[in-house]
Protein backbone atom coordinates (compact mmCIF):
# COMPACT_ATOMS: atom_id res chain seq x y z
CA UNK A 1 13.17 -1.83 32.53
CA UNK A 2 9.94 -2.08 30.51
CA UNK A 3 9.00 -5.69 29.79
CA UNK A 4 7.57 -6.80 26.45
CA UNK A 5 4.93 -8.80 28.31
CA UNK A 6 3.56 -5.62 29.89
CA UNK A 7 3.67 -3.79 26.55
CA UNK A 8 1.52 -6.57 25.13
CA UNK A 9 -0.95 -6.04 27.97
CA UNK A 10 -1.00 -2.31 27.18
CA UNK A 11 -1.68 -2.94 23.48
CA UNK A 12 -4.41 -5.44 24.28
CA UNK A 13 -6.16 -2.89 26.51
CA UNK A 14 -5.86 -0.17 23.85
CA UNK A 15 -7.17 -2.42 21.09
CA UNK A 16 -10.05 -3.85 23.10
CA UNK A 17 -10.90 -0.72 25.11
CA UNK A 18 -11.42 -2.82 28.21
CA UNK A 19 -9.27 -4.29 30.99
CA UNK A 20 -11.55 -7.32 31.17
CA UNK A 21 -11.43 -8.02 27.43
CA UNK A 22 -7.67 -7.49 27.37
CA UNK A 23 -7.18 -9.89 30.27
CA UNK A 24 -9.15 -12.55 28.42
CA UNK A 25 -7.08 -11.96 25.28
CA UNK A 26 -3.71 -12.30 27.01
CA UNK A 27 -5.05 -15.05 29.34
CA UNK A 28 -4.05 -13.29 32.54
CA UNK A 29 -6.31 -12.37 35.46
CA UNK A 30 -7.76 -8.87 35.12
CA UNK A 31 -6.39 -7.58 38.45
CA UNK A 32 -2.90 -8.66 37.40
CA UNK A 33 -3.18 -6.83 34.05
CA UNK A 34 -4.38 -3.69 35.82
CA UNK A 35 -1.62 -3.89 38.43
CA UNK A 36 1.10 -4.42 35.80
CA UNK A 37 -0.10 -1.40 33.81
CA UNK A 38 -0.11 0.77 36.95
CA UNK A 39 3.49 -0.29 37.54
CA UNK A 40 4.34 0.59 33.92
CA UNK A 41 2.87 4.07 34.39
CA UNK A 42 4.86 4.59 37.58
CA UNK A 43 8.03 3.43 35.83
CA UNK A 44 7.48 5.84 32.95
CA UNK A 45 6.32 8.66 35.22
CA UNK A 46 3.16 9.38 33.20
CA UNK A 47 -0.45 8.27 33.10
CA UNK A 48 -1.09 6.31 29.92
CA UNK A 49 -4.74 5.36 30.39
CA UNK A 50 -7.94 7.03 31.53
CA UNK A 51 -9.98 4.43 33.41
CA UNK A 52 -13.72 5.15 33.38
CA UNK A 53 -16.93 3.21 33.92
CA UNK A 54 -17.46 3.04 30.16
CA UNK A 55 -14.01 1.74 29.32
CA UNK A 56 -10.35 2.62 29.08
CA UNK A 57 -9.06 5.45 26.90
CA UNK A 58 -5.60 6.73 26.04
CA UNK A 59 -4.30 9.92 27.59
CA UNK A 60 -2.22 12.34 25.53
CA UNK A 61 0.91 10.62 26.85
CA UNK A 62 -0.62 7.26 26.01
CA UNK A 63 -1.24 8.34 22.43
CA UNK A 64 2.42 9.29 22.10
CA UNK A 65 3.57 6.06 23.69
CA UNK A 66 1.31 3.80 21.59
CA UNK A 67 3.40 3.73 18.37
CA UNK A 68 6.54 3.15 20.44
CA UNK A 69 4.94 0.18 22.17
CA UNK A 70 3.69 -1.26 18.89
CA UNK A 71 7.10 -0.85 17.32
CA UNK A 72 8.90 -2.58 20.19
CA UNK A 73 6.50 -5.52 20.25
CA UNK A 74 6.60 -5.84 16.46
CA UNK A 75 10.40 -5.76 16.34
CA UNK A 76 10.58 -8.44 19.02
CA UNK A 77 8.17 -10.66 17.09
CA UNK A 78 9.97 -10.10 13.81
CA UNK A 79 13.33 -10.75 15.44
CA UNK A 80 12.05 -14.06 16.76
CA UNK A 81 10.83 -14.93 13.26
CA UNK A 82 14.24 -14.15 11.80
CA UNK A 83 16.06 -16.35 14.32
CA UNK A 84 13.60 -19.18 13.75
CA UNK A 85 13.99 -18.80 9.98
CA UNK A 86 17.76 -18.99 10.21
CA UNK A 87 17.63 -21.85 12.65
CA UNK A 88 15.18 -24.00 10.71
CA UNK A 89 15.91 -22.87 7.16
CA UNK A 90 12.31 -21.69 6.79
CA UNK A 91 11.61 -18.55 4.75
CA UNK A 92 10.93 -15.10 6.13
CA UNK A 93 7.30 -14.06 6.47
CA UNK A 94 7.22 -10.46 5.28
CA UNK A 95 4.02 -8.43 5.25
CA UNK A 96 3.24 -5.84 2.59
CA UNK A 97 0.86 -2.87 2.79
CA UNK A 98 -0.31 -1.22 -0.45
CA UNK A 99 -3.44 -0.29 -2.43
CA UNK A 100 -5.75 -3.14 -3.45
CA UNK A 101 -4.90 -2.89 -7.15
CA UNK A 102 -1.19 -3.21 -6.33
CA UNK A 103 -1.88 -6.49 -4.52
CA UNK A 104 -3.86 -7.78 -7.50
CA UNK A 105 -1.49 -6.73 -10.26
CA UNK A 106 1.93 -6.68 -8.64
CA UNK A 107 2.35 -8.36 -5.25
CA UNK A 108 0.26 -11.48 -5.86
CA UNK A 109 1.54 -12.21 -9.40
CA UNK A 110 5.14 -11.61 -8.33
CA UNK A 111 4.72 -13.92 -5.33
CA UNK A 112 3.21 -16.64 -7.53
CA UNK A 113 6.13 -16.50 -9.97
CA UNK A 114 9.03 -15.89 -7.61
CA UNK A 115 8.09 -17.55 -4.30
CA UNK A 116 9.01 -14.29 -2.57
CA UNK A 117 9.01 -14.44 1.26
CA UNK A 118 5.63 -12.70 1.62
CA UNK A 119 3.18 -13.93 4.25
CA UNK A 120 0.33 -11.50 3.59
CA UNK A 121 -0.63 -8.18 2.03
CA UNK A 122 -2.83 -5.55 3.65
CA UNK A 123 -4.93 -2.97 1.80
CA UNK A 124 -4.49 0.76 2.44
CA UNK A 125 -5.36 3.91 0.54
CA UNK A 126 -2.44 5.32 -1.50
CA UNK A 127 -1.91 8.21 0.92
CA UNK A 128 -1.94 5.92 3.97
CA UNK A 129 0.57 3.18 3.09
CA UNK A 130 3.66 4.81 4.61
CA UNK A 131 1.83 5.75 7.80
CA UNK A 132 0.71 2.13 8.13
CA UNK A 133 4.30 1.00 7.65
CA UNK A 134 5.62 3.41 10.27
CA UNK A 135 2.89 2.27 12.67
CA UNK A 136 4.25 -1.26 12.42
CA UNK A 137 1.40 -2.80 10.43
CA UNK A 138 3.74 -4.26 7.80
CA UNK A 139 7.37 -4.80 6.85
CA UNK A 140 7.17 -3.25 3.37
CA UNK A 141 5.02 -0.48 1.91
CA UNK A 142 4.41 -0.05 -1.81
CA UNK A 143 2.94 3.30 -2.82
CA UNK A 144 2.62 5.82 -5.59
CA UNK A 145 4.04 8.79 -3.68
CA UNK A 146 7.75 9.16 -2.88
CA UNK A 147 8.36 7.70 0.59
CA UNK A 148 9.11 10.12 3.45
CA UNK A 149 12.68 10.76 4.50
CA UNK A 150 13.98 8.33 7.09
CA UNK A 151 12.79 5.20 5.34
CA UNK A 152 14.92 3.01 3.09
CA UNK A 153 13.32 3.09 -0.34
CA UNK A 154 13.50 1.93 -3.94
CA UNK A 155 11.75 3.24 -7.03
CA UNK A 156 10.23 0.04 -8.35
CA UNK A 157 9.20 1.33 -11.75
CA UNK A 158 6.36 2.79 -13.75
CA UNK A 159 3.04 1.43 -14.96
CA UNK A 160 1.23 2.74 -17.99
CA UNK A 161 -2.22 4.26 -17.75
CA UNK A 162 -4.66 2.96 -20.32
CA UNK A 163 -8.01 4.03 -21.73
CA UNK A 164 -10.39 1.11 -22.18
CA UNK A 165 -13.56 0.88 -24.24
CA UNK A 166 -15.65 -1.82 -25.94
CA UNK A 167 -14.57 -2.95 -29.41
CA UNK A 168 -17.61 -1.20 -30.92
CA UNK A 169 -16.59 2.16 -29.43
CA UNK A 170 -14.58 4.48 -31.69
CA UNK A 171 -11.69 4.39 -29.21
CA UNK A 172 -11.87 0.60 -28.96
CA UNK A 173 -10.41 0.23 -32.43
CA UNK A 174 -6.62 0.60 -32.28
CA UNK A 175 -5.05 2.87 -34.84
CA UNK A 176 -1.48 3.40 -35.97
CA UNK A 177 1.51 1.24 -35.10
CA UNK A 178 1.24 1.36 -31.33
CA UNK A 179 -2.40 2.16 -30.68
CA UNK A 180 -1.43 4.98 -28.30
CA UNK A 181 -4.19 7.45 -27.58
CA UNK A 182 -3.52 11.15 -27.10
CA UNK A 183 -5.19 12.71 -24.09
CA UNK A 184 -6.68 15.44 -26.27
CA UNK A 185 -8.58 12.83 -28.29
CA UNK A 186 -9.56 10.93 -25.16
CA UNK A 187 -10.93 14.09 -23.52
CA UNK A 188 -13.56 14.39 -26.23
CA UNK A 189 -15.39 11.36 -24.81
CA UNK A 190 -17.25 10.88 -21.50
CA UNK A 191 -14.76 9.39 -19.02
CA UNK A 192 -14.99 7.03 -16.07
CA UNK A 193 -12.24 7.92 -13.59
CA UNK A 194 -11.00 6.78 -10.20
CA UNK A 195 -11.58 8.92 -7.12
CA UNK A 196 -9.26 11.86 -6.49
CA UNK A 197 -7.21 9.93 -3.92
CA UNK A 198 -5.95 7.52 -6.58
CA UNK A 199 -2.60 7.94 -8.31
CA UNK A 200 -4.19 7.41 -11.73
CA UNK A 201 -6.65 10.22 -11.13
CA UNK A 202 -3.90 12.57 -9.94
CA UNK A 203 -1.82 11.83 -13.03
CA UNK A 204 -4.78 12.37 -15.35
CA UNK A 205 -5.85 15.59 -13.63
CA UNK A 206 -2.29 16.96 -13.76
CA UNK A 207 -2.02 16.20 -17.49
CA UNK A 208 -5.42 17.75 -18.20
CA UNK A 209 -4.38 20.90 -16.36
CA UNK A 210 -1.00 21.07 -18.10
CA UNK A 211 -2.60 20.80 -21.55
CA UNK A 212 -5.60 23.02 -20.71
CA UNK A 213 -8.09 20.24 -21.43
CA UNK A 214 -11.57 19.75 -19.98
CA UNK A 215 -13.54 16.52 -19.74
CA UNK A 216 -17.07 15.31 -19.17
CA UNK A 217 -17.01 12.96 -16.17
CA UNK A 218 -19.42 10.09 -16.78
CA UNK A 219 -18.71 8.35 -13.46
CA UNK A 220 -16.24 8.27 -10.58
CA UNK A 221 -15.47 4.98 -8.85
CA UNK A 222 -13.20 3.63 -6.11
CA UNK A 223 -12.85 0.29 -7.91
CA UNK A 224 -11.10 -0.14 -11.25
CA UNK A 225 -13.14 -3.31 -11.83
CA UNK A 226 -16.34 -1.26 -11.48
CA UNK A 227 -14.92 1.37 -13.83
CA UNK A 228 -14.29 -1.37 -16.39
CA UNK A 229 -17.77 -2.81 -15.90
CA UNK A 230 -19.32 0.62 -16.45
CA UNK A 231 -17.27 1.04 -19.62
CA UNK A 232 -18.36 -2.38 -20.86
CA UNK A 233 -21.96 -1.33 -20.17
CA UNK A 234 -21.50 1.66 -22.48
CA UNK A 235 -21.38 4.38 -19.80
CA UNK A 236 -18.10 5.90 -21.03
CA UNK A 237 -14.37 5.23 -21.46
CA UNK A 238 -12.56 4.09 -18.33
CA UNK A 239 -9.01 5.23 -17.52
CA UNK A 240 -7.27 2.58 -15.43
CA UNK A 241 -4.13 0.53 -14.79
CA UNK A 242 -5.82 -2.87 -14.68
CA UNK A 243 -5.58 -5.37 -17.51
CA UNK A 244 -8.63 -5.18 -19.79
CA UNK A 245 -11.59 -7.43 -19.04
CA UNK A 246 -15.28 -7.69 -20.02
CA UNK A 247 -14.26 -7.54 -23.69
CA UNK A 248 -12.70 -4.08 -23.38
CA UNK A 249 -9.80 -2.98 -25.52
CA UNK A 250 -6.98 -0.99 -23.98
CA UNK A 251 -4.92 1.81 -25.48
CA UNK A 252 -1.96 3.43 -23.77
CA UNK A 253 -2.62 7.10 -23.01
CA UNK A 254 -0.11 9.76 -24.01
CA UNK A 255 -0.08 13.48 -23.24
CA UNK A 256 1.86 15.63 -25.68
CA UNK A 257 3.45 12.44 -26.99
CA UNK A 258 4.72 11.33 -23.56
CA UNK A 259 3.41 8.19 -21.90
CA UNK A 260 1.02 8.82 -19.02
CA UNK A 261 2.25 6.68 -16.14
CA UNK A 262 2.32 6.28 -12.39
CA UNK A 263 5.48 5.50 -10.45
CA UNK A 264 5.61 2.78 -7.81
CA UNK A 265 7.91 3.01 -4.78
CA UNK A 266 8.82 0.47 -2.13
CA UNK A 267 9.81 1.53 1.40
CA UNK A 268 10.85 -0.19 4.61
CA UNK A 269 12.38 0.60 7.98
CA UNK A 270 16.09 1.20 7.51
CA UNK A 271 16.68 -0.61 10.82
CA UNK A 272 14.45 -3.58 9.99
CA UNK A 273 15.95 -6.87 11.13
CA UNK A 274 15.62 -8.19 7.53
CA UNK A 275 16.53 -4.96 5.71
CA UNK A 276 19.10 -6.68 3.48
CA UNK A 277 16.65 -9.40 2.50
CA UNK A 278 13.94 -6.81 1.81
CA UNK A 279 16.28 -4.75 -0.38
CA UNK A 280 17.14 -7.86 -2.39
CA UNK A 281 13.49 -8.87 -2.84
CA UNK A 282 12.43 -5.37 -3.86
CA UNK A 283 15.29 -5.17 -6.35
CA UNK A 284 14.16 -8.44 -7.87
CA UNK A 285 10.56 -7.22 -7.97
CA UNK A 286 11.73 -4.08 -9.79
CA UNK A 287 13.46 -6.20 -12.44
CA UNK A 288 10.39 -8.43 -12.74
CA UNK A 289 8.12 -5.42 -13.15
CA UNK A 290 10.36 -3.99 -15.87
CA UNK A 291 10.02 -7.18 -17.89
CA UNK A 292 6.21 -7.16 -17.94
CA UNK A 293 4.66 -6.89 -21.37
CA UNK A 294 2.83 -3.67 -22.37
CA UNK A 295 -0.48 -5.50 -22.11
CA UNK A 296 0.11 -6.12 -18.42
CA UNK A 297 1.67 -2.78 -17.59
CA UNK A 298 5.29 -1.77 -18.06
CA UNK A 299 7.89 -0.37 -15.78
CA UNK A 300 11.00 1.69 -15.82
CA UNK A 301 13.07 1.30 -12.65
CA UNK A 302 16.61 1.90 -12.13
CA UNK A 303 17.23 3.46 -8.75
CA UNK A 304 19.35 1.67 -6.18
CA UNK A 305 17.83 1.33 -2.68
CA UNK A 306 17.89 4.70 -0.93
CA UNK A 307 19.50 4.98 2.45
CA UNK A 308 17.51 6.79 5.15
CA UNK A 309 17.83 10.52 5.63
């Protein structure tokens, strides 16, 4: 039977690339680490590691075994946390992976208001969050794409996309009852947009294509804060989710009269030791997000947690 202790040795070697460094990390003599890993390979019937003078590298079998080993070690650690939490009455320590802006405008504010059982939040690109979850890097993933089949999931809600410009800019002066801004009018001005990997950019590009509109791209940034700073400096109108800053004024963008939004999803392992607690927390987050004011982003959520499959 494979022992968790040996799996930890294996992961330490993979992460450090060296038997010596791994032995120092796990505080076991290097010959013992090497011997234990040889025994693991014999037990599994495959070679997991290439041992060379320049270091240790995964074989093809090792690459396939790596996520399994990480998952087993992670589940054991999380299981121990759960038992300790129940035994001492201490809260769970759940880890979230999501884009940086989601940490800033959703995870952190929700934690501050609700005392949710979050221990940390890790940054990942929008198209990487579910892969990071499945690799065992976190307990919960929050993304802007529908989660893959096999994960438990909840549609958290929607956030409005806004166009932001200085008060002196023609678009910085709100008009009408709501101040909504049609995409056709917005497209007449130089725009500052996020990179093409962002959900906001995908939503804007899709709406431009649907309505046969063309734009002049003034700048493209990976940071919404930089987009806002460029807009404040007079470089163009930024299209973002973030709350306005630097004296900018925000107007909700519509396309053909419909709000331009992105949808947020939460996902977690359907077999997670704390799956019931996660479902409850994500349901509460969905309700919290729905109650946000339009100035902070709004949501529409109303899906029950999805079973796997």
